[in-house]
Amino acid sequence: MTITIYGITTCDTVKKARVWLESHDVAYRFHDFRVEGLDAKRLDGWVGKVGWEKLLNKGSTTFRELTDQDKQGLNEKKAKALMLAKPTMVKRPVLEIGDRVLVGFKPEVYEQAVGK
């Protein structure tokens, strides 16, 4: 089973998730949005599984810095365009476990998902 964690290296929640995975001997690949970006096909897949509302982090600094016009009238199309333009607006981390997608970090959810 392939596990990939998506986020940015400076995110505290991503750091906690990576420490948890490592301390439970879970092999994973890290995908840094700032280095590797985010492609539309992957984002579409995530949105199809968990919804754009769960993926768009309205509390992020990047989102809060948007103009009021950019924040208004949010729908799936607009949210996906914002997240593709600035992937740091994606709630982190995103964990892909095979065909499953988890958003955010909760140790009990990770434990259940990886069976550790």
N, C-alpha and C. Protein backbone atom coordinates (compact mmCIF):
# COMPACT_ATOMS: atom_id res chain seq x y z
N MET A 1 0.85 -1.18 0.00
CA MET A 1 0.00 0.00 0.00
C MET A 1 0.89 1.24 0.00
N THR A 2 0.64 2.12 -0.95
CA THR A 2 1.41 3.35 -1.06
C THR A 2 0.75 4.44 -0.24
N ILE A 3 1.57 5.13 0.56
CA ILE A 3 1.08 6.24 1.37
C ILE A 3 1.85 7.49 0.99
N THR A 4 1.11 8.55 0.68
CA THR A 4 1.72 9.83 0.36
C THR A 4 1.08 10.88 1.25
N ILE A 5 1.92 11.73 1.83
CA ILE A 5 1.42 12.84 2.64
C ILE A 5 1.74 14.13 1.89
N TYR A 6 0.73 14.98 1.75
CA TYR A 6 0.85 16.24 1.02
C TYR A 6 0.77 17.40 2.00
N GLY A 7 1.63 18.39 1.81
CA GLY A 7 1.61 19.56 2.66
C GLY A 7 2.80 20.45 2.38
N ILE A 8 3.19 21.21 3.38
CA ILE A 8 4.39 22.04 3.29
C ILE A 8 5.25 21.77 4.52
N THR A 9 6.55 21.89 4.36
CA THR A 9 7.48 21.51 5.43
C THR A 9 7.34 22.37 6.67
N THR A 10 6.89 23.61 6.52
CA THR A 10 6.82 24.52 7.66
C THR A 10 5.53 24.41 8.46
N CYS A 11 4.58 23.61 8.00
CA CYS A 11 3.29 23.46 8.68
C CYS A 11 3.44 22.58 9.93
N ASP A 12 3.04 23.10 11.08
CA ASP A 12 3.16 22.34 12.33
C ASP A 12 2.32 21.06 12.31
N THR A 13 1.15 21.11 11.71
CA THR A 13 0.30 19.92 11.66
C THR A 13 0.93 18.85 10.77
N VAL A 14 1.52 19.26 9.67
CA VAL A 14 2.23 18.31 8.80
C VAL A 14 3.40 17.70 9.56
N LYS A 15 4.12 18.52 10.31
CA LYS A 15 5.25 18.01 11.11
C LYS A 15 4.77 16.95 12.10
N LYS A 16 3.66 17.22 12.78
CA LYS A 16 3.11 16.26 13.75
C LYS A 16 2.71 14.96 13.06
N ALA A 17 2.08 15.07 11.91
CA ALA A 17 1.65 13.88 11.17
C ALA A 17 2.85 13.05 10.72
N ARG A 18 3.90 13.72 10.24
CA ARG A 18 5.10 13.00 9.79
C ARG A 18 5.79 12.31 10.97
N VAL A 19 5.86 12.99 12.10
CA VAL A 19 6.46 12.37 13.30
C VAL A 19 5.64 11.16 13.70
N TRP A 20 4.31 11.28 13.66
CA TRP A 20 3.46 10.15 14.02
C TRP A 20 3.73 8.96 13.08
N LEU A 21 3.75 9.22 11.77
CA LEU A 21 3.98 8.14 10.80
C LEU A 21 5.34 7.48 11.05
N GLU A 22 6.36 8.29 11.27
CA GLU A 22 7.71 7.75 11.49
C GLU A 22 7.79 6.96 12.80
N SER A 23 7.15 7.45 13.84
CA SER A 23 7.20 6.77 15.13
C SER A 23 6.41 5.45 15.12
N HIS A 24 5.53 5.28 14.13
CA HIS A 24 4.76 4.05 13.98
C HIS A 24 5.29 3.20 12.82
N ASP A 25 6.50 3.50 12.38
CA ASP A 25 7.16 2.75 11.30
C ASP A 25 6.30 2.62 10.05
N VAL A 26 5.64 3.72 9.68
CA VAL A 26 4.83 3.74 8.47
C VAL A 26 5.64 4.41 7.36
N ALA A 27 5.92 3.66 6.31
CA ALA A 27 6.66 4.21 5.18
C ALA A 27 5.73 5.12 4.38
N TYR A 28 6.23 6.27 3.97
CA TYR A 28 5.43 7.21 3.20
C TYR A 28 6.32 8.06 2.32
N ARG A 29 5.70 8.72 1.36
CA ARG A 29 6.39 9.70 0.53
C ARG A 29 5.81 11.06 0.88
N PHE A 30 6.67 12.07 0.99
CA PHE A 30 6.20 13.43 1.29
C PHE A 30 6.20 14.24 0.01
N HIS A 31 5.09 14.92 -0.25
CA HIS A 31 4.92 15.78 -1.41
C HIS A 31 4.75 17.21 -0.89
N ASP A 32 5.73 18.05 -1.15
CA ASP A 32 5.70 19.44 -0.69
C ASP A 32 5.03 20.29 -1.77
N PHE A 33 3.90 20.90 -1.42
CA PHE A 33 3.18 21.75 -2.36
C PHE A 33 4.06 22.88 -2.90
N ARG A 34 4.91 23.43 -2.06
CA ARG A 34 5.73 24.57 -2.49
C ARG A 34 6.79 24.15 -3.51
N VAL A 35 7.23 22.91 -3.43
CA VAL A 35 8.27 22.43 -4.34
C VAL A 35 7.66 21.74 -5.56
N GLU A 36 6.68 20.87 -5.31
CA GLU A 36 6.13 20.03 -6.38
C GLU A 36 4.79 20.51 -6.92
N GLY A 37 4.17 21.49 -6.26
CA GLY A 37 2.90 22.01 -6.72
C GLY A 37 1.75 21.04 -6.50
N LEU A 38 0.65 21.33 -7.17
CA LEU A 38 -0.57 20.51 -7.07
C LEU A 38 -1.22 20.50 -8.44
N ASP A 39 -1.50 19.30 -8.96
CA ASP A 39 -2.10 19.25 -10.29
C ASP A 39 -3.62 19.11 -10.18
N ALA A 40 -4.29 19.57 -11.23
CA ALA A 40 -5.76 19.62 -11.25
C ALA A 40 -6.39 18.23 -11.13
N LYS A 41 -5.80 17.24 -11.74
CA LYS A 41 -6.37 15.90 -11.70
C LYS A 41 -6.40 15.36 -10.28
N ARG A 42 -5.30 15.55 -9.56
CA ARG A 42 -5.24 15.07 -8.17
C ARG A 42 -6.25 15.83 -7.31
N LEU A 43 -6.30 17.16 -7.47
CA LEU A 43 -7.26 17.96 -6.70
C LEU A 43 -8.69 17.53 -7.01
N ASP A 44 -8.99 17.29 -8.28
CA ASP A 44 -10.34 16.81 -8.66
C ASP A 44 -10.67 15.51 -7.94
N GLY A 45 -9.68 14.60 -7.86
CA GLY A 45 -9.89 13.33 -7.17
C GLY A 45 -10.19 13.53 -5.70
N TRP A 46 -9.44 14.42 -5.06
CA TRP A 46 -9.67 14.71 -3.64
C TRP A 46 -11.05 15.31 -3.43
N VAL A 47 -11.39 16.28 -4.26
CA VAL A 47 -12.69 16.95 -4.14
C VAL A 47 -13.81 15.93 -4.31
N GLY A 48 -13.64 15.00 -5.24
CA GLY A 48 -14.64 13.96 -5.45
C GLY A 48 -14.81 13.05 -4.25
N LYS A 49 -13.75 12.88 -3.46
CA LYS A 49 -13.81 11.98 -2.30
C LYS A 49 -14.20 12.68 -1.00
N VAL A 50 -13.71 13.90 -0.78
CA VAL A 50 -13.97 14.56 0.51
C VAL A 50 -14.70 15.89 0.40
N GLY A 51 -14.83 16.43 -0.81
CA GLY A 51 -15.52 17.71 -1.00
C GLY A 51 -14.58 18.91 -0.89
N TRP A 52 -14.87 19.93 -1.66
CA TRP A 52 -14.01 21.11 -1.67
C TRP A 52 -14.07 21.86 -0.35
N GLU A 53 -15.22 21.79 0.32
CA GLU A 53 -15.37 22.52 1.59
C GLU A 53 -14.40 22.02 2.65
N LYS A 54 -14.13 20.73 2.64
CA LYS A 54 -13.20 20.16 3.62
C LYS A 54 -11.75 20.47 3.25
N LEU A 55 -11.48 20.59 1.95
CA LEU A 55 -10.11 20.82 1.49
C LEU A 55 -9.68 22.28 1.59
N LEU A 56 -10.59 23.21 1.37
CA LEU A 56 -10.24 24.63 1.39
C LEU A 56 -10.10 25.11 2.82
N ASN A 57 -8.90 25.52 3.20
CA ASN A 57 -8.63 25.96 4.56
C ASN A 57 -8.86 27.47 4.66
N LYS A 58 -10.07 27.83 5.07
CA LYS A 58 -10.41 29.25 5.18
C LYS A 58 -9.69 29.94 6.32
N GLY A 59 -9.07 29.17 7.19
CA GLY A 59 -8.31 29.75 8.29
C GLY A 59 -6.85 29.99 7.95
N SER A 60 -6.44 29.58 6.77
CA SER A 60 -5.03 29.73 6.40
C SER A 60 -4.67 31.19 6.15
N THR A 61 -3.44 31.52 6.39
CA THR A 61 -2.94 32.88 6.13
C THR A 61 -3.17 33.24 4.67
N THR A 62 -2.91 32.31 3.78
CA THR A 62 -3.06 32.58 2.35
C THR A 62 -4.51 32.94 2.03
N PHE A 63 -5.46 32.21 2.58
CA PHE A 63 -6.88 32.51 2.32
C PHE A 63 -7.26 33.86 2.92
N ARG A 64 -6.83 34.10 4.14
CA ARG A 64 -7.20 35.36 4.81
C ARG A 64 -6.64 36.57 4.06
N GLU A 65 -5.54 36.39 3.33
CA GLU A 65 -4.94 37.50 2.59
C GLU A 65 -5.62 37.78 1.25
N LEU A 66 -6.56 36.92 0.85
CA LEU A 66 -7.28 37.15 -0.40
C LEU A 66 -8.14 38.40 -0.30
N THR A 67 -8.45 38.97 -1.45
CA THR A 67 -9.37 40.11 -1.46
C THR A 67 -10.77 39.61 -1.11
N ASP A 68 -11.62 40.51 -0.64
CA ASP A 68 -13.00 40.14 -0.32
C ASP A 68 -13.70 39.59 -1.56
N GLN A 69 -13.38 40.13 -2.71
CA GLN A 69 -13.99 39.67 -3.96
C GLN A 69 -13.64 38.20 -4.22
N ASP A 70 -12.40 37.82 -3.97
CA ASP A 70 -11.99 36.43 -4.17
C ASP A 70 -12.66 35.48 -3.18
N LYS A 71 -12.97 35.99 -1.99
CA LYS A 71 -13.58 35.14 -0.96
C LYS A 71 -15.09 34.98 -1.15
N GLN A 72 -15.71 35.91 -1.88
CA GLN A 72 -17.16 35.88 -2.04
C GLN A 72 -17.59 34.90 -3.13
N GLY A 73 -18.77 34.35 -2.95
CA GLY A 73 -19.35 33.48 -3.97
C GLY A 73 -18.57 32.18 -4.17
N LEU A 74 -18.02 31.66 -3.10
CA LEU A 74 -17.25 30.43 -3.23
C LEU A 74 -18.12 29.27 -3.65
N ASN A 75 -17.66 28.56 -4.64
CA ASN A 75 -18.29 27.32 -5.08
C ASN A 75 -17.15 26.37 -5.45
N GLU A 76 -17.48 25.19 -5.91
CA GLU A 76 -16.44 24.20 -6.18
C GLU A 76 -15.44 24.70 -7.23
N LYS A 77 -15.94 25.27 -8.31
CA LYS A 77 -15.06 25.74 -9.38
C LYS A 77 -14.10 26.82 -8.89
N LYS A 78 -14.62 27.80 -8.17
CA LYS A 78 -13.80 28.90 -7.68
C LYS A 78 -12.81 28.41 -6.62
N ALA A 79 -13.26 27.53 -5.73
CA ALA A 79 -12.38 27.01 -4.69
C ALA A 79 -11.24 26.20 -5.29
N LYS A 80 -11.53 25.37 -6.30
CA LYS A 80 -10.48 24.59 -6.93
C LYS A 80 -9.47 25.51 -7.63
N ALA A 81 -9.96 26.55 -8.29
CA ALA A 81 -9.05 27.51 -8.95
C ALA A 81 -8.15 28.18 -7.92
N LEU A 82 -8.69 28.56 -6.78
CA LEU A 82 -7.89 29.18 -5.72
C LEU A 82 -6.83 28.21 -5.20
N MET A 83 -7.23 26.95 -4.94
CA MET A 83 -6.29 25.97 -4.39
C MET A 83 -5.21 25.60 -5.40
N LEU A 84 -5.54 25.57 -6.68
CA LEU A 84 -4.53 25.28 -7.70
C LEU A 84 -3.55 26.45 -7.83
N ALA A 85 -4.06 27.66 -7.74
CA ALA A 85 -3.20 28.85 -7.84
C ALA A 85 -2.29 28.98 -6.62
N LYS A 86 -2.84 28.64 -5.44
CA LYS A 86 -2.08 28.75 -4.19
C LYS A 86 -2.36 27.52 -3.34
N PRO A 87 -1.60 26.44 -3.58
CA PRO A 87 -1.85 25.18 -2.86
C PRO A 87 -1.73 25.28 -1.34
N THR A 88 -1.13 26.35 -0.83
CA THR A 88 -1.06 26.49 0.63
C THR A 88 -2.43 26.76 1.23
N MET A 89 -3.45 26.94 0.38
CA MET A 89 -4.83 27.08 0.88
C MET A 89 -5.47 25.73 1.14
N VAL A 90 -4.82 24.64 0.73
CA VAL A 90 -5.35 23.31 0.99
C VAL A 90 -5.13 22.97 2.45
N LYS A 91 -6.17 22.50 3.12
CA LYS A 91 -6.03 22.09 4.51
C LYS A 91 -5.02 20.95 4.57
N ARG A 92 -4.13 21.03 5.54
CA ARG A 92 -3.02 20.08 5.62
C ARG A 92 -3.04 19.30 6.91
N PRO A 93 -2.42 18.13 6.84
CA PRO A 93 -1.94 17.44 5.64
C PRO A 93 -3.08 16.71 4.93
N VAL A 94 -2.82 16.36 3.68
CA VAL A 94 -3.70 15.45 2.96
C VAL A 94 -2.92 14.14 2.88
N LEU A 95 -3.55 13.08 3.31
CA LEU A 95 -2.90 11.76 3.33
C LEU A 95 -3.64 10.85 2.36
N GLU A 96 -2.90 10.33 1.39
CA GLU A 96 -3.45 9.34 0.48
C GLU A 96 -2.96 7.98 0.93
N ILE A 97 -3.90 7.09 1.19
CA ILE A 97 -3.58 5.71 1.56
C ILE A 97 -4.30 4.85 0.55
N GLY A 98 -3.56 4.39 -0.45
CA GLY A 98 -4.21 3.67 -1.54
C GLY A 98 -5.20 4.60 -2.21
N ASP A 99 -6.48 4.25 -2.20
CA ASP A 99 -7.49 5.11 -2.82
C ASP A 99 -8.26 5.96 -1.80
N ARG A 100 -7.84 5.89 -0.54
CA ARG A 100 -8.48 6.70 0.51
C ARG A 100 -7.79 8.05 0.65
N VAL A 101 -8.53 9.06 1.07
CA VAL A 101 -8.00 10.40 1.28
C VAL A 101 -8.42 10.88 2.66
N LEU A 102 -7.43 11.25 3.48
CA LEU A 102 -7.70 11.83 4.79
C LEU A 102 -7.20 13.27 4.79
N VAL A 103 -7.96 14.16 5.40
CA VAL A 103 -7.58 15.58 5.46
C VAL A 103 -7.43 15.98 6.92
N GLY A 104 -6.31 16.62 7.23
CA GLY A 104 -6.02 17.01 8.60
C GLY A 104 -5.30 15.87 9.32
N PHE A 105 -4.97 16.09 10.58
CA PHE A 105 -4.27 15.08 11.35
C PHE A 105 -4.94 14.83 12.68
N LYS A 106 -5.36 13.60 12.87
CA LYS A 106 -5.87 13.12 14.16
C LYS A 106 -5.23 11.75 14.36
N PRO A 107 -4.43 11.59 15.42
CA PRO A 107 -3.73 10.32 15.63
C PRO A 107 -4.65 9.11 15.58
N GLU A 108 -5.84 9.22 16.18
CA GLU A 108 -6.74 8.05 16.21
C GLU A 108 -7.23 7.68 14.81
N VAL A 109 -7.40 8.67 13.96
CA VAL A 109 -7.83 8.40 12.57
C VAL A 109 -6.68 7.76 11.79
N TYR A 110 -5.46 8.27 11.99
CA TYR A 110 -4.30 7.69 11.32
C TYR A 110 -4.10 6.25 11.79
N GLU A 111 -4.24 6.03 13.08
CA GLU A 111 -4.06 4.69 13.64
C GLU A 111 -5.03 3.70 13.01
N GLN A 112 -6.27 4.10 12.90
CA GLN A 112 -7.29 3.25 12.29
C GLN A 112 -6.99 3.02 10.80
N ALA A 113 -6.53 4.08 10.11
CA ALA A 113 -6.30 3.99 8.67
C ALA A 113 -5.11 3.12 8.29
N VAL A 114 -4.05 3.16 9.11
CA VAL A 114 -2.84 2.38 8.78
C VAL A 114 -2.72 1.12 9.59
N GLY A 115 -3.64 0.92 10.53
CA GLY A 115 -3.63 -0.32 11.30
C GLY A 115 -2.46 -0.45 12.26
N LYS A 116 -2.05 0.68 12.84
CA LYS A 116 -0.91 0.65 13.80
C LYS A 116 -1.38 1.00 15.20
